[in-house]
């Protein structure tokens, strides 16, 4: 299973930059960048809620489940 993060898509649809989102929700640009690139291992509900509030979207607009192989970092886990 793979979770795809569509934060960049939603930012583009709202014509908003990552800096603007960072300022609006009080999360560092570095942490948002990790999330945007899909490298985050977890997200707090409070962070997801704040992102959805500012971008006026639903959690499903940000996160997407895709069937298929595990993400590369999960290959060695049993």
Protein backbone atom coordinates (compact mmCIF):
# COMPACT_ATOMS: atom_id res chain seq x y z
CA UNK A 1 0.00 0.00 0.00
CA UNK A 2 1.11 3.53 -0.65
CA UNK A 3 -0.27 6.80 0.63
CA UNK A 4 0.12 9.63 -1.87
CA UNK A 5 0.22 13.19 -0.56
CA UNK A 6 -1.43 15.66 -2.94
CA UNK A 7 -0.55 18.81 -1.02
CA UNK A 8 1.22 20.31 -4.02
CA UNK A 9 -1.88 19.77 -6.16
CA UNK A 10 -4.15 21.49 -3.64
CA UNK A 11 -1.71 24.38 -3.24
CA UNK A 12 -1.67 24.86 -7.01
CA UNK A 13 -5.48 24.73 -7.21
CA UNK A 14 -5.71 27.41 -4.51
CA UNK A 15 -2.85 29.43 -6.08
CA UNK A 16 -1.08 29.36 -2.74
CA UNK A 17 2.61 28.94 -1.96
CA UNK A 18 4.01 26.67 0.72
CA UNK A 19 5.28 29.77 2.57
CA UNK A 20 1.74 31.16 2.73
CA UNK A 21 0.35 27.88 4.07
CA UNK A 22 3.15 27.70 6.64
CA UNK A 23 2.33 31.19 7.89
CA UNK A 24 -1.41 30.48 7.96
CA UNK A 25 -1.22 27.29 10.03
CA UNK A 26 1.92 27.86 12.09
CA UNK A 27 3.82 24.81 10.85
CA UNK A 28 7.42 25.23 9.71
CA UNK A 29 8.06 25.26 5.99
CA UNK A 30 10.56 22.42 6.48
CA UNK A 31 7.89 20.16 8.01
CA UNK A 32 5.39 21.05 5.31
CA UNK A 33 8.02 20.36 2.65
CA UNK A 34 8.60 16.87 4.08
CA UNK A 35 4.85 16.28 3.90
CA UNK A 36 4.54 17.75 0.40
CA UNK A 37 7.30 15.53 -1.00
CA UNK A 38 5.67 12.42 0.47
CA UNK A 39 8.58 11.69 2.82
CA UNK A 40 6.56 12.13 6.02
CA UNK A 41 5.88 8.96 7.99
CA UNK A 42 2.93 10.43 9.90
CA UNK A 43 0.72 13.50 10.16
CA UNK A 44 -1.14 14.79 13.18
CA UNK A 45 -4.88 15.18 12.82
CA UNK A 46 -4.53 18.75 14.09
CA UNK A 47 -2.08 19.51 11.24
CA UNK A 48 -4.32 17.86 8.65
CA UNK A 49 -7.30 19.76 10.03
CA UNK A 50 -5.45 23.08 9.82
CA UNK A 51 -4.34 22.38 6.24
CA UNK A 52 -7.90 21.49 5.23
CA UNK A 53 -9.28 24.61 6.94
CA UNK A 54 -6.89 26.94 5.13
CA UNK A 55 -7.12 25.19 1.75
CA UNK A 56 -10.89 24.71 2.12
CA UNK A 57 -10.72 21.02 1.26
CA UNK A 58 -11.30 17.57 2.72
CA UNK A 59 -8.61 15.18 4.04
CA UNK A 60 -9.23 12.96 1.00
CA UNK A 61 -8.15 15.85 -1.22
CA UNK A 62 -4.75 15.80 0.51
CA UNK A 63 -4.21 12.07 1.11
CA UNK A 64 -4.82 9.29 -1.39
CA UNK A 65 -4.50 5.53 -0.98
CA UNK A 66 -2.98 3.61 -3.87
CA UNK A 67 -2.76 -0.16 -4.01
CA UNK A 68 0.48 -1.65 -5.13
CA UNK A 69 3.90 -2.26 -3.74
CA UNK A 70 4.96 -0.89 -0.39
CA UNK A 71 6.88 2.32 -0.30
CA UNK A 72 10.66 1.65 -0.54
CA UNK A 73 11.32 2.46 3.13
CA UNK A 74 8.92 -0.34 4.16
CA UNK A 75 10.48 -3.14 2.09
CA UNK A 76 12.72 -4.50 4.85
CA UNK A 77 10.10 -4.43 7.60
CA UNK A 78 8.48 -7.70 8.64
